[in-house]
């Protein structure tokens, strides 16, 4: 089992930068670059050339953001929280929110 703190599908909040305070879901994680792609966060405009199935023009898309600028959203309070690991009685290793103690992995 991977011990990465931020994984695909997690709800995160941006703690620094121009999108500070925005919440979103992790779409993809790039472990080698320590970055993650978060929905509707760190939007950039790209000039798209027209193709047979896609219209050209200026399109907005997400750009990867550094993991140090992200924090998990606490399931109970909705604020930023740190993540810890613990073992359940059935032997599974799960992540939990340090603020509220809620288990994140189900």
PDB file of N, CA and C in Angstrom:
ATOM      1  N   UNK A   1       0.841  -1.191   0.000  1.00  0.00           N
ATOM      2  CA  UNK A   1       0.000   0.000   0.000  1.00  0.00           C
ATOM      3  C   UNK A   1       0.880   1.247   0.000  1.00  0.00           C
ATOM      4  N   UNK A   2       0.533   2.208  -0.840  1.00  0.00           N
ATOM      5  CA  UNK A   2       1.290   3.448  -0.944  1.00  0.00           C
ATOM      6  C   UNK A   2       1.062   4.319   0.285  1.00  0.00           C
ATOM      7  N   UNK A   3       2.084   5.057   0.703  1.00  0.00           N
ATOM      8  CA  UNK A   3       1.944   5.929   1.855  1.00  0.00           C
ATOM      9  C   UNK A   3       1.871   7.392   1.438  1.00  0.00           C
ATOM     10  N   UNK A   4       1.453   7.649   0.192  1.00  0.00           N
ATOM     11  CA  UNK A   4       1.322   9.028  -0.272  1.00  0.00           C
ATOM     12  C   UNK A   4       0.196   9.706   0.498  1.00  0.00           C
ATOM     13  N   UNK A   5       0.415  10.946   0.904  1.00  0.00           N
ATOM     14  CA  UNK A   5      -0.599  11.650   1.686  1.00  0.00           C
ATOM     15  C   UNK A   5      -1.740  12.152   0.806  1.00  0.00           C
ATOM     16  N   UNK A   6      -1.424  12.582  -0.416  1.00  0.00           N
ATOM     17  CA  UNK A   6      -2.461  13.079  -1.321  1.00  0.00           C
ATOM     18  C   UNK A   6      -2.597  12.109  -2.477  1.00  0.00           C
ATOM     19  N   UNK A   7      -3.828  11.654  -2.712  1.00  0.00           N
ATOM     20  CA  UNK A   7      -4.103  10.684  -3.764  1.00  0.00           C
ATOM     21  C   UNK A   7      -5.221  11.173  -4.659  1.00  0.00           C
ATOM     22  N   UNK A   8      -5.370  10.531  -5.807  1.00  0.00           N
ATOM     23  CA  UNK A   8      -6.434  10.851  -6.752  1.00  0.00           C
ATOM     24  C   UNK A   8      -7.789  10.673  -6.059  1.00  0.00           C
ATOM     25  N   UNK A   9      -8.671  11.645  -6.250  1.00  0.00           N
ATOM     26  CA  UNK A   9     -10.004  11.584  -5.666  1.00  0.00           C
ATOM     27  C   UNK A   9     -10.133  12.285  -4.327  1.00  0.00           C
ATOM     28  N   UNK A  10      -9.026  12.699  -3.713  1.00  0.00           N
ATOM     29  CA  UNK A  10      -9.077  13.388  -2.417  1.00  0.00           C
ATOM     30  C   UNK A  10      -9.614  14.801  -2.573  1.00  0.00           C
ATOM     31  N   UNK A  11     -10.310  15.291  -1.536  1.00  0.00           N
ATOM     32  CA  UNK A  11     -10.747  16.684  -1.493  1.00  0.00           C
ATOM     33  C   UNK A  11      -9.652  17.480  -0.802  1.00  0.00           C
ATOM     34  N   UNK A  12      -9.153  18.526  -1.492  1.00  0.00           N
ATOM     35  CA  UNK A  12      -8.057  19.330  -0.948  1.00  0.00           C
ATOM     36  C   UNK A  12      -8.423  20.808  -0.987  1.00  0.00           C
ATOM     37  N   UNK A  13      -7.689  21.588  -0.191  1.00  0.00           N
ATOM     38  CA  UNK A  13      -7.835  23.044  -0.167  1.00  0.00           C
ATOM     39  C   UNK A  13      -6.465  23.645  -0.449  1.00  0.00           C
ATOM     40  N   UNK A  14      -6.428  24.744  -1.201  1.00  0.00           N
ATOM     41  CA  UNK A  14      -5.170  25.406  -1.539  1.00  0.00           C
ATOM     42  C   UNK A  14      -4.792  26.327  -0.388  1.00  0.00           C
ATOM     43  N   UNK A  15      -3.551  26.194   0.109  1.00  0.00           N
ATOM     44  CA  UNK A  15      -3.111  26.963   1.276  1.00  0.00           C
ATOM     45  C   UNK A  15      -2.249  28.169   0.917  1.00  0.00           C
ATOM     46  N   UNK A  16      -1.763  28.238  -0.334  1.00  0.00           N
ATOM     47  CA  UNK A  16      -0.892  29.350  -0.717  1.00  0.00           C
ATOM     48  C   UNK A  16      -1.029  29.616  -2.209  1.00  0.00           C
ATOM     49  N   UNK A  17      -0.711  30.836  -2.608  1.00  0.00           N
ATOM     50  CA  UNK A  17      -0.751  31.193  -4.022  1.00  0.00           C
ATOM     51  C   UNK A  17      -2.000  31.976  -4.385  1.00  0.00           C
ATOM     52  N   UNK A  18      -2.193  32.213  -5.671  1.00  0.00           N
ATOM     53  CA  UNK A  18      -3.301  33.063  -6.118  1.00  0.00           C
ATOM     54  C   UNK A  18      -4.656  32.395  -5.938  1.00  0.00           C
ATOM     55  N   UNK A  19      -4.692  31.067  -5.806  1.00  0.00           N
ATOM     56  CA  UNK A  19      -5.950  30.338  -5.613  1.00  0.00           C
ATOM     57  C   UNK A  19      -6.161  29.948  -4.155  1.00  0.00           C
ATOM     58  N   UNK A  20      -5.513  30.640  -3.233  1.00  0.00           N
ATOM     59  CA  UNK A  20      -5.605  30.307  -1.806  1.00  0.00           C
ATOM     60  C   UNK A  20      -7.062  30.289  -1.348  1.00  0.00           C
ATOM     61  N   UNK A  21      -7.442  29.202  -0.648  1.00  0.00           N
ATOM     62  CA  UNK A  21      -8.793  29.066  -0.131  1.00  0.00           C
ATOM     63  C   UNK A  21      -9.718  28.253  -1.019  1.00  0.00           C
ATOM     64  N   UNK A  22      -9.331  28.029  -2.272  1.00  0.00           N
ATOM     65  CA  UNK A  22     -10.175  27.243  -3.179  1.00  0.00           C
ATOM     66  C   UNK A  22     -10.106  25.771  -2.815  1.00  0.00           C
ATOM     67  N   UNK A  23     -11.240  25.090  -2.969  1.00  0.00           N
ATOM     68  CA  UNK A  23     -11.308  23.654  -2.714  1.00  0.00           C
ATOM     69  C   UNK A  23     -11.560  22.934  -4.029  1.00  0.00           C
ATOM     70  N   UNK A  24     -11.060  21.709  -4.126  1.00  0.00           N
ATOM     71  CA  UNK A  24     -11.268  20.917  -5.327  1.00  0.00           C
ATOM     72  C   UNK A  24     -10.902  19.473  -5.102  1.00  0.00           C
ATOM     73  N   UNK A  25     -11.141  18.679  -6.131  1.00  0.00           N
ATOM     74  CA  UNK A  25     -10.830  17.255  -6.079  1.00  0.00           C
ATOM     75  C   UNK A  25      -9.572  16.990  -6.891  1.00  0.00           C
ATOM     76  N   UNK A  26      -8.704  16.134  -6.377  1.00  0.00           N
ATOM     77  CA  UNK A  26      -7.465  15.789  -7.074  1.00  0.00           C
ATOM     78  C   UNK A  26      -7.815  14.896  -8.263  1.00  0.00           C
ATOM     79  N   UNK A  27      -7.427  15.347  -9.461  1.00  0.00           N
ATOM     80  CA  UNK A  27      -7.692  14.595 -10.676  1.00  0.00           C
ATOM     81  C   UNK A  27      -6.549  13.642 -11.002  1.00  0.00           C
ATOM     82  N   UNK A  28      -5.325  14.071 -10.710  1.00  0.00           N
ATOM     83  CA  UNK A  28      -4.149  13.283 -11.044  1.00  0.00           C
ATOM     84  C   UNK A  28      -2.986  13.732 -10.170  1.00  0.00           C
ATOM     85  N   UNK A  29      -2.099  12.806  -9.813  1.00  0.00           N
ATOM     86  CA  UNK A  29      -0.926  13.129  -9.000  1.00  0.00           C
ATOM     87  C   UNK A  29       0.328  12.782  -9.799  1.00  0.00           C
ATOM     88  N   UNK A  30       1.312  13.687  -9.749  1.00  0.00           N
ATOM     89  CA  UNK A  30       2.603  13.478 -10.402  1.00  0.00           C
ATOM     90  C   UNK A  30       3.666  13.352  -9.308  1.00  0.00           C
ATOM     91  N   UNK A  31       3.910  12.133  -8.801  1.00  0.00           N
ATOM     92  CA  UNK A  31       4.803  11.970  -7.642  1.00  0.00           C
ATOM     93  C   UNK A  31       6.244  12.411  -7.894  1.00  0.00           C
ATOM     94  N   UNK A  32       6.746  12.212  -9.108  1.00  0.00           N
ATOM     95  CA  UNK A  32       8.142  12.575  -9.382  1.00  0.00           C
ATOM     96  C   UNK A  32       8.351  14.082  -9.324  1.00  0.00           C
ATOM     97  N   UNK A  33       7.332  14.857  -9.729  1.00  0.00           N
ATOM     98  CA  UNK A  33       7.443  16.323  -9.696  1.00  0.00           C
ATOM     99  C   UNK A  33       6.859  16.923  -8.425  1.00  0.00           C
ATOM    100  N   UNK A  34       6.299  16.099  -7.520  1.00  0.00           N
ATOM    101  CA  UNK A  34       5.632  16.573  -6.298  1.00  0.00           C
ATOM    102  C   UNK A  34       4.513  17.560  -6.617  1.00  0.00           C
ATOM    103  N   UNK A  35       3.717  17.233  -7.646  1.00  0.00           N
ATOM    104  CA  UNK A  35       2.631  18.103  -8.066  1.00  0.00           C
ATOM    105  C   UNK A  35       1.356  17.311  -8.225  1.00  0.00           C
ATOM    106  N   UNK A  36       0.231  18.031  -8.232  1.00  0.00           N
ATOM    107  CA  UNK A  36      -1.070  17.396  -8.420  1.00  0.00           C
ATOM    108  C   UNK A  36      -1.945  18.286  -9.285  1.00  0.00           C
ATOM    109  N   UNK A  37      -2.841  17.666 -10.018  1.00  0.00           N
ATOM    110  CA  UNK A  37      -3.812  18.372 -10.849  1.00  0.00           C
ATOM    111  C   UNK A  37      -5.119  18.405 -10.065  1.00  0.00           C
ATOM    112  N   UNK A  38      -5.610  19.613  -9.751  1.00  0.00           N
ATOM    113  CA  UNK A  38      -6.818  19.768  -8.935  1.00  0.00           C
ATOM    114  C   UNK A  38      -7.876  20.471  -9.778  1.00  0.00           C
ATOM    115  N   UNK A  39      -9.117  19.989  -9.693  1.00  0.00           N
ATOM    116  CA  UNK A  39     -10.194  20.541 -10.514  1.00  0.00           C
ATOM    117  C   UNK A  39     -10.456  22.009 -10.166  1.00  0.00           C
ATOM    118  N   UNK A  40     -10.522  22.848 -11.187  1.00  0.00           N
ATOM    119  CA  UNK A  40     -10.809  24.282 -11.089  1.00  0.00           C
ATOM    120  C   UNK A  40      -9.817  25.053 -10.226  1.00  0.00           C
ATOM    121  N   UNK A  41      -8.575  24.591 -10.154  1.00  0.00           N
ATOM    122  CA  UNK A  41      -7.529  25.280  -9.396  1.00  0.00           C
ATOM    123  C   UNK A  41      -6.328  25.465 -10.315  1.00  0.00           C
ATOM    124  N   UNK A  42      -5.666  26.620 -10.220  1.00  0.00           N
ATOM    125  CA  UNK A  42      -4.483  26.948 -11.023  1.00  0.00           C
ATOM    126  C   UNK A  42      -4.817  26.901 -12.517  1.00  0.00           C
ATOM    127  N   UNK A  43      -5.913  27.575 -12.880  1.00  0.00           N
ATOM    128  CA  UNK A  43      -6.370  27.589 -14.265  1.00  0.00           C
ATOM    129  C   UNK A  43      -5.454  28.467 -15.115  1.00  0.00           C
ATOM    130  N   UNK A  44      -5.113  27.963 -16.310  1.00  0.00           N
ATOM    131  CA  UNK A  44      -4.309  28.713 -17.258  1.00  0.00           C
ATOM    132  C   UNK A  44      -5.017  28.712 -18.605  1.00  0.00           C
ATOM    133  N   UNK A  45      -4.740  29.719 -19.430  1.00  0.00           N
ATOM    134  CA  UNK A  45      -5.341  29.789 -20.762  1.00  0.00           C
ATOM    135  C   UNK A  45      -4.341  29.289 -21.784  1.00  0.00           C
ATOM    136  N   UNK A  46      -4.814  28.445 -22.694  1.00  0.00           N
ATOM    137  CA  UNK A  46      -3.969  27.893 -23.737  1.00  0.00           C
ATOM    138  C   UNK A  46      -4.613  28.152 -25.092  1.00  0.00           C
ATOM    139  N   UNK A  47      -3.779  28.482 -26.081  1.00  0.00           N
ATOM    140  CA  UNK A  47      -4.275  28.656 -27.438  1.00  0.00           C
ATOM    141  C   UNK A  47      -4.352  27.291 -28.095  1.00  0.00           C
ATOM    142  N   UNK A  48      -5.564  26.897 -28.491  1.00  0.00           N
ATOM    143  CA  UNK A  48      -5.802  25.576 -29.062  1.00  0.00           C
ATOM    144  C   UNK A  48      -5.979  25.688 -30.569  1.00  0.00           C
ATOM    145  N   UNK A  49      -5.199  24.931 -31.312  1.00  0.00           N
ATOM    146  CA  UNK A  49      -5.342  24.906 -32.755  1.00  0.00           C
ATOM    147  C   UNK A  49      -6.549  24.047 -33.125  1.00  0.00           C
ATOM    148  N   UNK A  50      -7.279  24.466 -34.141  1.00  0.00           N
ATOM    149  CA  UNK A  50      -8.475  23.728 -34.550  1.00  0.00           C
ATOM    150  C   UNK A  50      -8.085  22.386 -35.156  1.00  0.00           C
ATOM    151  N   UNK A  51      -8.874  21.358 -34.796  1.00  0.00           N
ATOM    152  CA  UNK A  51      -8.655  20.038 -35.374  1.00  0.00           C
ATOM    153  C   UNK A  51      -9.986  19.515 -35.907  1.00  0.00           C
ATOM    154  N   UNK A  52      -9.980  18.315 -36.439  1.00  0.00           N
ATOM    155  CA  UNK A  52     -11.186  17.753 -37.048  1.00  0.00           C
ATOM    156  C   UNK A  52     -12.312  17.577 -36.035  1.00  0.00           C
ATOM    157  N   UNK A  53     -11.975  17.278 -34.780  1.00  0.00           N
ATOM    158  CA  UNK A  53     -13.032  17.046 -33.792  1.00  0.00           C
ATOM    159  C   UNK A  53     -13.081  18.088 -32.678  1.00  0.00           C
ATOM    160  N   UNK A  54     -12.178  19.055 -32.689  1.00  0.00           N
ATOM    161  CA  UNK A  54     -12.175  20.078 -31.648  1.00  0.00           C
ATOM    162  C   UNK A  54     -12.025  21.460 -32.265  1.00  0.00           C
ATOM    163  N   UNK A  55     -12.822  22.396 -31.754  1.00  0.00           N
ATOM    164  CA  UNK A  55     -12.768  23.754 -32.267  1.00  0.00           C
ATOM    165  C   UNK A  55     -11.573  24.488 -31.678  1.00  0.00           C
ATOM    166  N   UNK A  56     -10.999  25.398 -32.460  1.00  0.00           N
ATOM    167  CA  UNK A  56      -9.854  26.165 -32.005  1.00  0.00           C
ATOM    168  C   UNK A  56     -10.277  27.334 -31.131  1.00  0.00           C
ATOM    169  N   UNK A  57      -9.304  28.025 -30.572  1.00  0.00           N
ATOM    170  CA  UNK A  57      -9.574  29.184 -29.730  1.00  0.00           C
ATOM    171  C   UNK A  57      -8.769  29.112 -28.448  1.00  0.00           C
ATOM    172  N   UNK A  58      -9.110  29.996 -27.525  1.00  0.00           N
ATOM    173  CA  UNK A  58      -8.425  30.042 -26.236  1.00  0.00           C
ATOM    174  C   UNK A  58      -9.236  29.211 -25.250  1.00  0.00           C
ATOM    175  N   UNK A  59      -8.608  28.185 -24.682  1.00  0.00           N
ATOM    176  CA  UNK A  59      -9.294  27.307 -23.729  1.00  0.00           C
ATOM    177  C   UNK A  59      -8.628  27.421 -22.359  1.00  0.00           C
ATOM    178  N   UNK A  60      -9.436  27.297 -21.304  1.00  0.00           N
ATOM    179  CA  UNK A  60      -8.916  27.289 -19.939  1.00  0.00           C
ATOM    180  C   UNK A  60      -8.795  25.850 -19.471  1.00  0.00           C
ATOM    181  N   UNK A  61      -7.670  25.540 -18.841  1.00  0.00           N
ATOM    182  CA  UNK A  61      -7.480  24.200 -18.308  1.00  0.00           C
ATOM    183  C   UNK A  61      -6.664  24.273 -17.030  1.00  0.00           C
ATOM    184  N   UNK A  62      -6.720  23.185 -16.257  1.00  0.00           N
ATOM    185  CA  UNK A  62      -5.980  23.144 -15.003  1.00  0.00           C
ATOM    186  C   UNK A  62      -4.498  22.891 -15.272  1.00  0.00           C
ATOM    187  N   UNK A  63      -3.665  23.457 -14.406  1.00  0.00           N
ATOM    188  CA  UNK A  63      -2.239  23.230 -14.463  1.00  0.00           C
ATOM    189  C   UNK A  63      -1.833  22.594 -13.126  1.00  0.00           C
ATOM    190  N   UNK A  64      -0.818  21.721 -13.116  1.00  0.00           N
ATOM    191  CA  UNK A  64      -0.427  21.089 -11.852  1.00  0.00           C
ATOM    192  C   UNK A  64       0.030  22.113 -10.817  1.00  0.00           C
ATOM    193  N   UNK A  65      -0.283  21.839  -9.555  1.00  0.00           N
ATOM    194  CA  UNK A  65       0.094  22.715  -8.446  1.00  0.00           C
ATOM    195  C   UNK A  65       0.948  21.904  -7.477  1.00  0.00           C
ATOM    196  N   UNK A  66       1.916  22.553  -6.834  1.00  0.00           N
ATOM    197  CA  UNK A  66       2.837  21.844  -5.951  1.00  0.00           C
ATOM    198  C   UNK A  66       2.109  21.316  -4.719  1.00  0.00           C
ATOM    199  N   UNK A  67       2.496  20.110  -4.284  1.00  0.00           N
ATOM    200  CA  UNK A  67       1.833  19.464  -3.150  1.00  0.00           C
ATOM    201  C   UNK A  67       1.978  20.249  -1.851  1.00  0.00           C
ATOM    202  N   UNK A  68       3.041  21.052  -1.732  1.00  0.00           N
ATOM    203  CA  UNK A  68       3.236  21.825  -0.506  1.00  0.00           C
ATOM    204  C   UNK A  68       2.188  22.924  -0.364  1.00  0.00           C
ATOM    205  N   UNK A  69       1.503  23.274  -1.452  1.00  0.00           N
ATOM    206  CA  UNK A  69       0.471  24.302  -1.408  1.00  0.00           C
ATOM    207  C   UNK A  69      -0.925  23.716  -1.237  1.00  0.00           C
ATOM    208  N   UNK A  70      -1.008  22.420  -0.962  1.00  0.00           N
ATOM    209  CA  UNK A  70      -2.294  21.751  -0.801  1.00  0.00           C
ATOM    210  C   UNK A  70      -2.394  21.145   0.592  1.00  0.00           C
ATOM    211  N   UNK A  71      -3.623  21.105   1.110  1.00  0.00           N
ATOM    212  CA  UNK A  71      -3.903  20.431   2.380  1.00  0.00           C
ATOM    213  C   UNK A  71      -5.231  19.699   2.240  1.00  0.00           C
ATOM    214  N   UNK A  72      -5.361  18.607   2.953  1.00  0.00           N
ATOM    215  CA  UNK A  72      -6.616  17.847   2.924  1.00  0.00           C
ATOM    216  C   UNK A  72      -7.731  18.646   3.573  1.00  0.00           C
ATOM    217  N   UNK A  73      -8.961  18.420   3.104  1.00  0.00           N
ATOM    218  CA  UNK A  73     -10.135  19.031   3.716  1.00  0.00           C
ATOM    219  C   UNK A  73     -10.636  18.071   4.787  1.00  0.00           C
ATOM    220  N   UNK A  74     -10.797  18.581   6.009  1.00  0.00           N
ATOM    221  CA  UNK A  74     -11.298  17.762   7.112  1.00  0.00           C
ATOM    222  C   UNK A  74     -12.751  17.376   6.833  1.00  0.00           C
ATOM    223  N   UNK A  75     -13.090  16.079   6.863  1.00  0.00           N
ATOM    224  CA  UNK A  75     -14.464  15.658   6.564  1.00  0.00           C
ATOM    225  C   UNK A  75     -15.493  16.217   7.545  1.00  0.00           C
ATOM    226  N   UNK A  76     -15.077  16.503   8.781  1.00  0.00           N
ATOM    227  CA  UNK A  76     -16.019  16.970   9.796  1.00  0.00           C
ATOM    228  C   UNK A  76     -16.200  18.489   9.765  1.00  0.00           C
ATOM    229  N   UNK A  77     -15.081  19.234   9.721  1.00  0.00           N
ATOM    230  CA  UNK A  77     -15.157  20.693   9.829  1.00  0.00           C
ATOM    231  C   UNK A  77     -15.111  21.412   8.487  1.00  0.00           C
ATOM    232  N   UNK A  78     -14.513  20.802   7.465  1.00  0.00           N
ATOM    233  CA  UNK A  78     -14.395  21.459   6.169  1.00  0.00           C
ATOM    234  C   UNK A  78     -13.167  22.323   6.039  1.00  0.00           C
ATOM    235  N   UNK A  79     -12.341  22.397   7.079  1.00  0.00           N
ATOM    236  CA  UNK A  79     -11.126  23.190   7.029  1.00  0.00           C
ATOM    237  C   UNK A  79      -9.927  22.345   6.656  1.00  0.00           C
ATOM    238  N   UNK A  80      -8.753  22.970   6.621  1.00  0.00           N
ATOM    239  CA  UNK A  80      -7.524  22.255   6.292  1.00  0.00           C
ATOM    240  C   UNK A  80      -7.077  21.407   7.474  1.00  0.00           C
ATOM    241  N   UNK A  81      -6.538  20.243   7.172  1.00  0.00           N
ATOM    242  CA  UNK A  81      -6.030  19.354   8.217  1.00  0.00           C
ATOM    243  C   UNK A  81      -4.815  18.598   7.712  1.00  0.00           C
ATOM    244  N   UNK A  82      -4.012  18.119   8.663  1.00  0.00           N
ATOM    245  CA  UNK A  82      -2.896  17.250   8.312  1.00  0.00           C
ATOM    246  C   UNK A  82      -3.388  15.807   8.335  1.00  0.00           C
ATOM    247  N   UNK A  83      -2.571  14.920   7.798  1.00  0.00           N
ATOM    248  CA  UNK A  83      -2.964  13.523   7.646  1.00  0.00           C
ATOM    249  C   UNK A  83      -2.037  12.641   8.471  1.00  0.00           C
ATOM    250  N   UNK A  84      -2.624  11.651   9.130  1.00  0.00           N
ATOM    251  CA  UNK A  84      -1.850  10.653   9.855  1.00  0.00           C
ATOM    252  C   UNK A  84      -2.234   9.265   9.376  1.00  0.00           C
ATOM    253  N   UNK A  85      -1.466   8.286   9.786  1.00  0.00           N
ATOM    254  CA  UNK A  85      -1.750   6.903   9.432  1.00  0.00           C
ATOM    255  C   UNK A  85      -1.983   6.111  10.702  1.00  0.00           C
ATOM    256  N   UNK A  86      -2.927   5.164  10.648  1.00  0.00           N
ATOM    257  CA  UNK A  86      -3.130   4.254  11.771  1.00  0.00           C
ATOM    258  C   UNK A  86      -3.672   2.936  11.236  1.00  0.00           C
ATOM    259  N   UNK A  87      -3.561   1.915  12.069  1.00  0.00           N
ATOM    260  CA  UNK A  87      -4.059   0.586  11.709  1.00  0.00           C
ATOM    261  C   UNK A  87      -5.379   0.345  12.414  1.00  0.00           C
ATOM    262  N   UNK A  88      -6.362  -0.153  11.679  1.00  0.00           N
ATOM    263  CA  UNK A  88      -7.651  -0.500  12.259  1.00  0.00           C
ATOM    264  C   UNK A  88      -7.570  -1.882  12.901  1.00  0.00           C
ATOM    265  N   UNK A  89      -8.635  -2.249  13.619  1.00  0.00           N
ATOM    266  CA  UNK A  89      -8.662  -3.546  14.296  1.00  0.00           C
ATOM    267  C   UNK A  89      -8.554  -4.713  13.329  1.00  0.00           C
ATOM    268  N   UNK A  90      -9.045  -4.536  12.083  1.00  0.00           N
ATOM    269  CA  UNK A  90      -8.972  -5.625  11.108  1.00  0.00           C
ATOM    270  C   UNK A  90      -7.627  -5.659  10.371  1.00  0.00           C
ATOM    271  N   UNK A  91      -6.674  -4.815  10.769  1.00  0.00           N
ATOM    272  CA  UNK A  91      -5.332  -4.851  10.205  1.00  0.00           C
ATOM    273  C   UNK A  91      -5.086  -3.915   9.043  1.00  0.00           C
ATOM    274  N   UNK A  92      -6.126  -3.189   8.595  1.00  0.00           N
ATOM    275  CA  UNK A  92      -5.941  -2.271   7.468  1.00  0.00           C
ATOM    276  C   UNK A  92      -5.247  -0.998   7.917  1.00  0.00           C
ATOM    277  N   UNK A  93      -4.347  -0.490   7.050  1.00  0.00           N
ATOM    278  CA  UNK A  93      -3.685   0.783   7.309  1.00  0.00           C
ATOM    279  C   UNK A  93      -4.492   1.865   6.612  1.00  0.00           C
ATOM    280  N   UNK A  94      -4.943   2.874   7.354  1.00  0.00           N
ATOM    281  CA  UNK A  94      -5.793   3.917   6.788  1.00  0.00           C
ATOM    282  C   UNK A  94      -5.233   5.296   7.134  1.00  0.00           C
ATOM    283  N   UNK A  95      -5.651   6.293   6.356  1.00  0.00           N
ATOM    284  CA  UNK A  95      -5.302   7.687   6.633  1.00  0.00           C
ATOM    285  C   UNK A  95      -6.424   8.307   7.460  1.00  0.00           C
ATOM    286  N   UNK A  96      -6.053   9.204   8.378  1.00  0.00           N
ATOM    287  CA  UNK A  96      -7.070   9.893   9.164  1.00  0.00           C
ATOM    288  C   UNK A  96      -6.707  11.366   9.307  1.00  0.00           C
ATOM    289  N   UNK A  97      -7.741  12.197   9.494  1.00  0.00           N
ATOM    290  CA  UNK A  97      -7.543  13.633   9.679  1.00  0.00           C
ATOM    291  C   UNK A  97      -7.088  13.873  11.116  1.00  0.00           C
ATOM    292  N   UNK A  98      -5.983  14.591  11.271  1.00  0.00           N
ATOM    293  CA  UNK A  98      -5.437  14.804  12.613  1.00  0.00           C
ATOM    294  C   UNK A  98      -6.294  15.745  13.446  1.00  0.00           C
ATOM    295  N   UNK A  99      -7.029  16.669  12.812  1.00  0.00           N
ATOM    296  CA  UNK A  99      -7.857  17.606  13.571  1.00  0.00           C
ATOM    297  C   UNK A  99      -9.043  16.927  14.221  1.00  0.00           C
ATOM    298  N   UNK A 100      -9.790  16.141  13.433  1.00  0.00           N
ATOM    299  CA  UNK A 100     -11.022  15.552  13.955  1.00  0.00           C
ATOM    300  C   UNK A 100     -10.901  14.063  14.279  1.00  0.00           C
ATOM    301  N   UNK A 101      -9.868  13.400  13.759  1.00  0.00           N
ATOM    302  CA  UNK A 101      -9.717  11.975  13.976  1.00  0.00           C
ATOM    303  C   UNK A 101     -10.541  11.121  13.008  1.00  0.00           C
ATOM    304  N   UNK A 102     -11.240  11.763  12.059  1.00  0.00           N
ATOM    305  CA  UNK A 102     -12.067  11.028  11.092  1.00  0.00           C
ATOM    306  C   UNK A 102     -11.183  10.240  10.135  1.00  0.00           C
ATOM    307  N   UNK A 103     -11.614   9.009   9.821  1.00  0.00           N
ATOM    308  CA  UNK A 103     -10.891   8.179   8.857  1.00  0.00           C
ATOM    309  C   UNK A 103     -11.238   8.665   7.451  1.00  0.00           C
ATOM    310  N   UNK A 104     -10.206   8.880   6.617  1.00  0.00           N
ATOM    311  CA  UNK A 104     -10.411   9.361   5.254  1.00  0.00           C
ATOM    312  C   UNK A 104     -10.606   8.195   4.291  1.00  0.00           C
ATOM    313  N   UNK A 105      -9.789   7.138   4.431  1.00  0.00           N
ATOM    314  CA  UNK A 105      -9.933   5.959   3.567  1.00  0.00           C
ATOM    315  C   UNK A 105     -11.077   5.096   4.078  1.00  0.00           C
ATOM    316  N   UNK A 106     -11.910   4.672   3.168  1.00  0.00           N
ATOM    317  CA  UNK A 106     -13.035   3.810   3.584  1.00  0.00           C
ATOM    318  C   UNK A 106     -12.916   2.456   2.924  1.00  0.00           C
TER     319      UNK A 106
END
